[in-house]
Amino acid sequence: MYRTDSAADMSLAITAKGVTKTFTQWQRDNTGRGMIRNLIKPEKRVIKALDNVSFTVTNGEFVAYAGPNGAGKSTTMKLLAGMLLPTSGNVGVLSLSPARDRRTLMHRLGVLFGNRTELWWDHPIIQSFEWKKVVWNIDDITYRKNIQMVTELLDLAPLLKTFARELSLGQRMRADLAMMLLHSPSLIILDEPTLGLDVVAKRQMIDFLKRINRENGVTIIVTSHDMDDLEEMADRILMISSGKIVYDGRFDGLREIAGDLTRIGVASSAAPDIPGGTHLSSEGGVHAYEVDLTQVSIRTVMRILSEMDGVTDVEIRKAPIEQVIARLYQKWR
């Protein structure tokens, strides 16, 4: 069993220390000469998905885990859930080893991958819930309490007798989330939980996750390519790039690293020239600019605009977090 080094570590839901994960890919060449070469001397390539990754997550935290495609996000989630083993380093989840104590850990952990389901496809979802109660040996009091909670907060009452195959994507995601929570996990791992959801379904998912984190103290670590969703949900973000942790902190800190990017909208008869600003678009007499306020002050920008003829309105707001992250990805590459 994985053991923490001190009593203080009992406050940690997740510990990753020097974790490296490599995969071997056998290379194939289907040409005549290549096939013979494969038989005599097979060629393989070693992919390092994670490279000496270390981080901790405290009980009760809501943490976003983000990075570009192929950065190592899903690999990390699978290591935490015990679905993969690290090549080197140590992983601890709720003071247990995901590799050696997986059965024990599963009774305290919830895992949801956005593109997979545990629902019985040709049965009403309530039967899937009841199946989990029996197989997981969930006691009656806990089951009734959790069924009532998820039915109310995820608006599942009209769906309990509906076959899983008849659900929309948003409905299925809500049902999968509900099923994951029936055994009262203290930590949940979510890989792309809002993938493909419409605006309403996404709103329900985010509000529910924030509520169980705030009111029930459930620790949550979540991945997503939608940075606006992550910024709304999580208090802290871990950024991974090329298998390495490149940032650990608050979202505001990302803006400081990327530069203080600001969007300025100017209503005027013609697109003005703003020193230090990048013109993004013009539509209906409104001209959008991106300005890095570490290079030019907002006072200077406003003074220049106030002295221009034809300017009737100015709007200033932070650049979307998506744009901040895109700039950082380019820098890290």
Protein backbone atom coordinates (compact mmCIF):
# COMPACT_ATOMS: atom_id res chain seq x y z
CA MET A 1 0.00 0.00 0.00
CA TYR A 2 1.18 3.51 -0.80
CA ARG A 3 2.00 5.39 2.40
CA THR A 4 2.54 9.10 2.83
CA ASP A 5 5.68 10.36 4.53
CA SER A 6 4.04 12.41 7.25
CA ALA A 7 0.76 13.05 8.98
CA ALA A 8 0.49 16.35 7.12
CA ASP A 9 0.25 14.41 3.84
CA MET A 10 -3.14 13.06 4.91
CA SER A 11 -4.52 16.39 3.70
CA LEU A 12 -3.44 15.51 0.17
CA ALA A 13 -5.85 13.86 -2.23
CA ILE A 14 -3.23 13.35 -4.97
CA THR A 15 0.56 13.15 -4.96
CA ALA A 16 2.69 12.63 -8.05
CA LYS A 17 6.45 12.47 -7.53
CA GLY A 18 8.85 12.27 -10.44
CA VAL A 19 6.35 10.40 -12.62
CA THR A 20 7.56 9.34 -16.05
CA LYS A 21 5.50 7.27 -18.49
CA THR A 22 6.83 5.94 -21.78
CA PHE A 23 5.12 3.97 -24.54
CA THR A 24 6.72 1.84 -27.25
CA GLN A 25 5.43 2.17 -30.80
CA TRP A 26 6.46 -0.48 -33.32
CA GLN A 27 7.13 1.10 -36.70
CA ARG A 28 5.63 -0.60 -39.76
CA ASP A 29 6.68 -0.38 -43.41
CA ASN A 30 4.35 -2.25 -45.80
CA THR A 31 6.63 -2.03 -48.81
CA GLY A 32 8.31 -5.26 -49.90
CA ARG A 33 11.77 -4.30 -48.70
CA GLY A 34 10.33 -2.71 -45.54
CA MET A 35 8.42 -5.88 -44.60
CA ILE A 36 11.62 -7.93 -44.83
CA ARG A 37 13.46 -5.37 -42.73
CA ASN A 38 10.66 -5.49 -40.12
CA LEU A 39 11.10 -9.28 -39.83
CA ILE A 40 14.89 -9.14 -39.49
CA LYS A 41 15.26 -6.05 -37.33
CA PRO A 42 11.93 -4.58 -36.10
CA GLU A 43 12.07 -0.85 -35.58
CA LYS A 44 10.47 0.75 -32.55
CA ARG A 45 10.04 4.29 -31.27
CA VAL A 46 9.81 5.23 -27.59
CA ILE A 47 7.29 7.97 -26.77
CA LYS A 48 7.70 9.81 -23.48
CA ALA A 49 4.15 10.83 -22.55
CA LEU A 50 5.10 12.14 -19.09
CA ASP A 51 8.54 13.38 -18.13
CA ASN A 52 9.36 13.64 -14.41
CA VAL A 53 5.96 15.09 -13.45
CA SER A 54 5.42 16.15 -9.83
CA PHE A 55 2.42 17.87 -8.24
CA THR A 56 0.00 17.58 -5.32
CA VAL A 57 -3.72 18.25 -4.94
CA THR A 58 -5.16 19.04 -1.51
CA ASN A 59 -8.45 17.58 -0.29
CA GLY A 60 -11.35 19.83 -1.33
CA GLU A 61 -9.54 21.52 -4.23
CA PHE A 62 -11.03 22.01 -7.68
CA VAL A 63 -8.11 21.74 -10.10
CA ALA A 64 -8.01 22.11 -13.88
CA TYR A 65 -5.46 20.05 -15.81
CA ALA A 66 -4.87 21.42 -19.28
CA GLY A 67 -2.55 21.23 -22.25
CA PRO A 68 -2.49 20.79 -26.03
CA ASN A 69 -3.29 17.48 -27.73
CA GLY A 70 -0.68 14.85 -26.92
CA ALA A 71 0.64 16.76 -23.91
CA GLY A 72 -0.06 13.91 -21.45
CA LYS A 73 -3.41 14.86 -19.88
CA SER A 74 -5.27 11.59 -20.44
CA THR A 75 -2.18 9.58 -19.55
CA THR A 76 -2.05 11.35 -16.19
CA MET A 77 -5.73 10.68 -15.54
CA LYS A 78 -5.32 6.98 -16.35
CA LEU A 79 -2.35 6.75 -14.00
CA LEU A 80 -4.39 8.32 -11.19
CA ALA A 81 -7.22 5.85 -11.81
CA GLY A 82 -4.87 2.85 -11.89
CA MET A 83 -5.59 2.13 -15.56
CA LEU A 84 -1.89 2.57 -16.39
CA LEU A 85 1.30 2.08 -14.41
CA PRO A 86 4.09 4.68 -14.33
CA THR A 87 7.40 3.73 -15.92
CA SER A 88 9.10 5.41 -12.96
CA GLY A 89 8.11 7.64 -10.05
CA ASN A 90 5.30 7.33 -7.52
CA VAL A 91 1.58 8.11 -7.66
CA GLY A 92 -0.59 8.32 -4.56
CA VAL A 93 -4.35 8.87 -4.55
CA LEU A 94 -6.19 9.25 -1.23
CA SER A 95 -3.10 7.76 0.49
CA LEU A 96 -3.37 4.62 -1.65
CA SER A 97 -1.43 3.26 -4.61
CA PRO A 98 -3.64 3.18 -7.74
CA ALA A 99 -1.60 0.21 -8.98
CA ARG A 100 -1.63 -1.98 -5.86
CA ASP A 101 -4.82 -0.85 -4.10
CA ARG A 102 -7.09 -0.31 -7.09
CA ARG A 103 -10.14 -2.16 -5.71
CA THR A 104 -9.99 -0.28 -2.41
CA LEU A 105 -9.40 3.01 -4.19
CA MET A 106 -12.34 2.56 -6.57
CA HIS A 107 -14.75 2.71 -3.61
CA ARG A 108 -13.47 6.21 -2.80
CA LEU A 109 -12.83 7.45 -6.33
CA GLY A 110 -15.09 8.49 -9.21
CA VAL A 111 -13.86 8.51 -12.82
CA LEU A 112 -15.65 9.87 -15.89
CA PHE A 113 -14.31 9.99 -19.43
CA GLY A 114 -16.42 12.16 -21.72
CA ASN A 115 -16.42 9.71 -24.63
CA ARG A 116 -17.32 6.56 -22.61
CA THR A 117 -20.33 5.36 -20.66
CA GLU A 118 -21.04 2.73 -18.02
CA LEU A 119 -24.79 2.82 -18.62
CA TRP A 120 -26.50 -0.31 -19.90
CA TRP A 121 -27.31 0.65 -23.47
CA ASP A 122 -30.60 -1.27 -23.84
CA HIS A 123 -32.01 -0.66 -20.34
CA PRO A 124 -33.57 2.30 -18.52
CA ILE A 125 -30.90 4.26 -16.67
CA ILE A 126 -32.50 3.51 -13.29
CA GLN A 127 -31.58 -0.15 -13.86
CA SER A 128 -27.95 0.83 -14.37
CA PHE A 129 -28.10 2.74 -11.08
CA GLU A 130 -29.64 -0.25 -9.27
CA TRP A 131 -27.06 -2.58 -10.81
CA LYS A 132 -24.25 -0.41 -9.40
CA LYS A 133 -25.92 -0.41 -5.95
CA VAL A 134 -25.80 -4.20 -5.86
CA VAL A 135 -22.35 -4.75 -7.42
CA TRP A 136 -20.70 -2.00 -5.39
CA ASN A 137 -22.56 -3.00 -2.23
CA ILE A 138 -23.86 0.53 -1.62
CA ASP A 139 -26.00 0.62 1.52
CA ASP A 140 -29.65 1.65 1.27
CA ILE A 141 -29.28 4.95 3.13
CA THR A 142 -26.36 6.15 1.00
CA TYR A 143 -28.05 5.03 -2.22
CA ARG A 144 -31.36 6.77 -1.45
CA LYS A 145 -29.60 9.96 -0.38
CA ASN A 146 -27.46 10.09 -3.52
CA ILE A 147 -30.27 9.14 -5.90
CA GLN A 148 -32.35 11.97 -4.48
CA MET A 149 -29.44 14.43 -4.78
CA VAL A 150 -28.45 13.62 -8.37
CA THR A 151 -32.05 13.33 -9.56
CA GLU A 152 -32.87 16.79 -8.24
CA LEU A 153 -29.66 18.63 -9.10
CA LEU A 154 -29.13 17.03 -12.52
CA ASP A 155 -32.82 17.10 -13.49
CA LEU A 156 -32.98 13.34 -14.08
CA ALA A 157 -36.53 12.60 -12.91
CA PRO A 158 -38.00 12.56 -16.47
CA LEU A 159 -35.15 10.32 -17.67
CA LEU A 160 -34.94 7.53 -15.08
CA LYS A 161 -37.12 5.15 -17.14
CA THR A 162 -35.56 6.10 -20.49
CA PHE A 163 -33.24 3.67 -22.29
CA ALA A 164 -29.64 4.88 -22.35
CA ARG A 165 -29.52 4.52 -26.16
CA GLU A 166 -32.40 7.04 -26.44
CA LEU A 167 -30.64 9.80 -24.50
CA SER A 168 -29.08 12.85 -26.09
CA LEU A 169 -25.38 13.40 -25.43
CA GLY A 170 -26.10 15.97 -22.71
CA GLN A 171 -28.63 13.69 -21.02
CA ARG A 172 -26.24 10.74 -21.14
CA MET A 173 -23.42 12.80 -19.64
CA ARG A 174 -25.69 13.84 -16.77
CA ALA A 175 -26.72 10.22 -16.20
CA ASP A 176 -23.08 9.06 -16.29
CA LEU A 177 -22.13 11.75 -13.79
CA ALA A 178 -25.00 10.69 -11.53
CA MET A 179 -23.97 7.03 -11.71
CA MET A 180 -20.39 7.92 -10.88
CA LEU A 181 -21.51 9.69 -7.69
CA LEU A 182 -23.79 6.96 -6.28
CA HIS A 183 -21.08 5.56 -3.99
CA SER A 184 -20.15 9.02 -2.57
CA PRO A 185 -16.57 9.32 -3.91
CA SER A 186 -14.39 11.84 -2.12
CA LEU A 187 -12.31 12.47 -5.27
CA ILE A 188 -13.55 12.58 -8.85
CA ILE A 189 -11.44 12.57 -12.01
CA LEU A 190 -13.10 14.02 -15.10
CA ASP A 191 -11.60 13.79 -18.58
CA GLU A 192 -13.41 16.13 -21.01
CA PRO A 193 -16.79 16.01 -19.19
CA THR A 194 -18.26 18.85 -21.30
CA LEU A 195 -17.11 17.42 -24.64
CA GLY A 196 -19.80 18.00 -27.28
CA LEU A 197 -22.39 19.39 -24.88
CA ASP A 198 -24.69 22.22 -25.90
CA VAL A 199 -24.82 25.45 -23.91
CA VAL A 200 -27.64 24.35 -21.58
CA ALA A 201 -26.17 20.91 -20.83
CA LYS A 202 -22.74 22.43 -20.24
CA ARG A 203 -24.23 24.96 -17.84
CA GLN A 204 -25.93 22.22 -15.83
CA MET A 205 -22.72 20.19 -15.67
CA ILE A 206 -20.55 23.10 -14.52
CA ASP A 207 -23.04 24.33 -11.91
CA PHE A 208 -23.41 20.83 -10.47
CA LEU A 209 -19.67 20.22 -10.22
CA LYS A 210 -19.08 23.56 -8.51
CA ARG A 211 -21.88 22.82 -6.07
CA ILE A 212 -20.66 19.37 -4.95
CA ASN A 213 -17.14 20.76 -4.59
CA ARG A 214 -18.34 23.72 -2.51
CA GLU A 215 -21.03 22.04 -0.41
CA ASN A 216 -19.81 18.44 -0.13
CA GLY A 217 -16.07 19.06 -0.18
CA VAL A 218 -15.55 16.68 -3.12
CA THR A 219 -12.06 17.03 -4.61
CA ILE A 220 -12.18 17.43 -8.39
CA ILE A 221 -9.50 17.30 -11.06
CA VAL A 222 -10.77 17.96 -14.58
CA THR A 223 -9.35 18.17 -18.10
CA SER A 224 -10.92 20.06 -20.98
CA HIS A 225 -9.95 21.82 -24.20
CA ASP A 226 -12.47 24.54 -23.38
CA MET A 227 -10.40 26.96 -21.32
CA ASP A 228 -13.37 29.22 -20.58
CA ASP A 229 -15.10 26.27 -18.89
CA LEU A 230 -11.99 25.49 -16.85
CA GLU A 231 -11.56 29.10 -15.77
CA GLU A 232 -15.15 29.19 -14.57
CA MET A 233 -14.97 25.87 -12.71
CA ALA A 234 -11.53 25.66 -11.14
CA ASP A 235 -9.54 27.79 -8.71
CA ARG A 236 -6.17 26.42 -9.82
CA ILE A 237 -4.77 25.21 -13.11
CA LEU A 238 -1.96 22.79 -13.88
CA MET A 239 -0.59 23.22 -17.40
CA ILE A 240 1.29 20.39 -19.11
CA SER A 241 3.24 20.62 -22.35
CA SER A 242 5.32 17.88 -23.98
CA GLY A 243 4.91 15.73 -20.88
CA LYS A 244 6.19 18.35 -18.42
CA ILE A 245 4.36 20.58 -15.94
CA VAL A 246 4.99 24.11 -17.18
CA TYR A 247 2.62 26.05 -14.93
CA ASP A 248 0.88 25.53 -11.58
CA GLY A 249 -1.17 28.38 -10.16
CA ARG A 250 -4.16 30.64 -10.69
CA PHE A 251 -5.58 31.67 -14.04
CA ASP A 252 -4.62 35.30 -13.48
CA GLY A 253 -0.99 34.18 -13.34
CA LEU A 254 -1.29 32.81 -16.88
CA ARG A 255 -2.30 36.24 -18.10
CA GLU A 256 0.77 37.75 -16.42
CA ILE A 257 3.07 35.21 -18.09
CA ALA A 258 1.54 35.76 -21.53
CA GLY A 259 1.50 39.51 -21.10
CA ASP A 260 -1.42 41.62 -19.94
CA LEU A 261 -3.51 41.04 -23.06
CA THR A 262 -6.54 43.31 -23.33
CA ARG A 263 -9.26 43.62 -25.95
CA ILE A 264 -10.27 47.15 -26.91
CA GLY A 265 -13.31 47.90 -29.05
CA VAL A 266 -13.46 51.31 -30.71
CA ALA A 267 -16.59 52.71 -32.34
CA SER A 268 -15.45 55.17 -35.00
CA SER A 269 -15.92 56.10 -38.62
CA ALA A 270 -12.53 54.58 -39.55
CA ALA A 271 -10.17 52.13 -37.87
CA PRO A 272 -7.76 54.23 -35.78
CA ASP A 273 -4.06 53.50 -35.44
CA ILE A 274 -3.36 52.41 -31.85
CA PRO A 275 0.38 52.28 -31.01
CA GLY A 276 1.25 48.83 -29.69
CA GLY A 277 -2.16 47.47 -30.68
CA THR A 278 -2.96 44.70 -33.15
CA HIS A 279 -6.04 45.27 -35.29
CA LEU A 280 -8.20 42.13 -35.18
CA SER A 281 -11.38 43.00 -37.04
CA SER A 282 -13.81 45.70 -38.11
CA GLU A 283 -17.55 45.24 -38.36
CA GLY A 284 -20.43 47.70 -38.33
CA GLY A 285 -18.21 50.62 -37.44
CA VAL A 286 -16.69 48.83 -34.41
CA HIS A 287 -12.98 48.02 -34.58
CA ALA A 288 -11.42 45.34 -32.33
CA TYR A 289 -7.80 45.50 -31.15
CA GLU A 290 -5.53 43.42 -28.98
CA VAL A 291 -3.21 45.42 -26.76
CA ASP A 292 -0.52 44.17 -24.39
CA LEU A 293 -0.68 46.55 -21.45
CA THR A 294 2.83 45.57 -20.37
CA GLN A 295 4.03 47.34 -23.54
CA VAL A 296 1.71 50.36 -23.56
CA SER A 297 -0.36 51.74 -20.66
CA ILE A 298 -4.13 52.00 -20.80
CA ARG A 299 -3.76 55.68 -19.93
CA THR A 300 -1.69 56.22 -23.07
CA VAL A 301 -4.20 54.33 -25.23
CA MET A 302 -7.15 56.33 -23.84
CA ARG A 303 -5.34 59.61 -24.31
CA ILE A 304 -4.60 58.78 -27.95
CA LEU A 305 -8.21 57.74 -28.62
CA SER A 306 -9.62 60.83 -26.90
CA GLU A 307 -7.63 63.05 -29.24
CA MET A 308 -8.89 61.29 -32.39
CA ASP A 309 -11.79 62.61 -34.43
CA GLY A 310 -14.77 60.33 -35.01
CA VAL A 311 -14.37 58.09 -31.93
CA THR A 312 -17.79 57.72 -30.28
CA ASP A 313 -17.29 54.83 -27.85
CA VAL A 314 -14.57 52.64 -26.34
CA GLU A 315 -14.93 49.23 -24.65
CA ILE A 316 -12.10 47.60 -22.68
CA ARG A 317 -12.07 43.99 -21.44
CA LYS A 318 -9.61 41.20 -20.72
CA ALA A 319 -8.60 38.98 -23.61
CA PRO A 320 -10.36 35.59 -23.57
CA ILE A 321 -8.39 32.97 -21.67
CA GLU A 322 -8.39 30.87 -24.86
CA GLN A 323 -6.23 33.49 -26.56
CA VAL A 324 -3.90 33.72 -23.57
CA ILE A 325 -3.39 29.96 -23.61
CA ALA A 326 -2.86 29.89 -27.38
CA ARG A 327 -0.03 32.40 -27.02
CA LEU A 328 1.53 30.31 -24.25
CA TYR A 329 1.29 27.10 -26.30
CA GLN A 330 3.21 28.81 -29.09
CA LYS A 331 5.86 29.95 -26.64
CA TRP A 332 6.24 26.48 -25.07
CA ARG A 333 6.52 24.78 -28.45
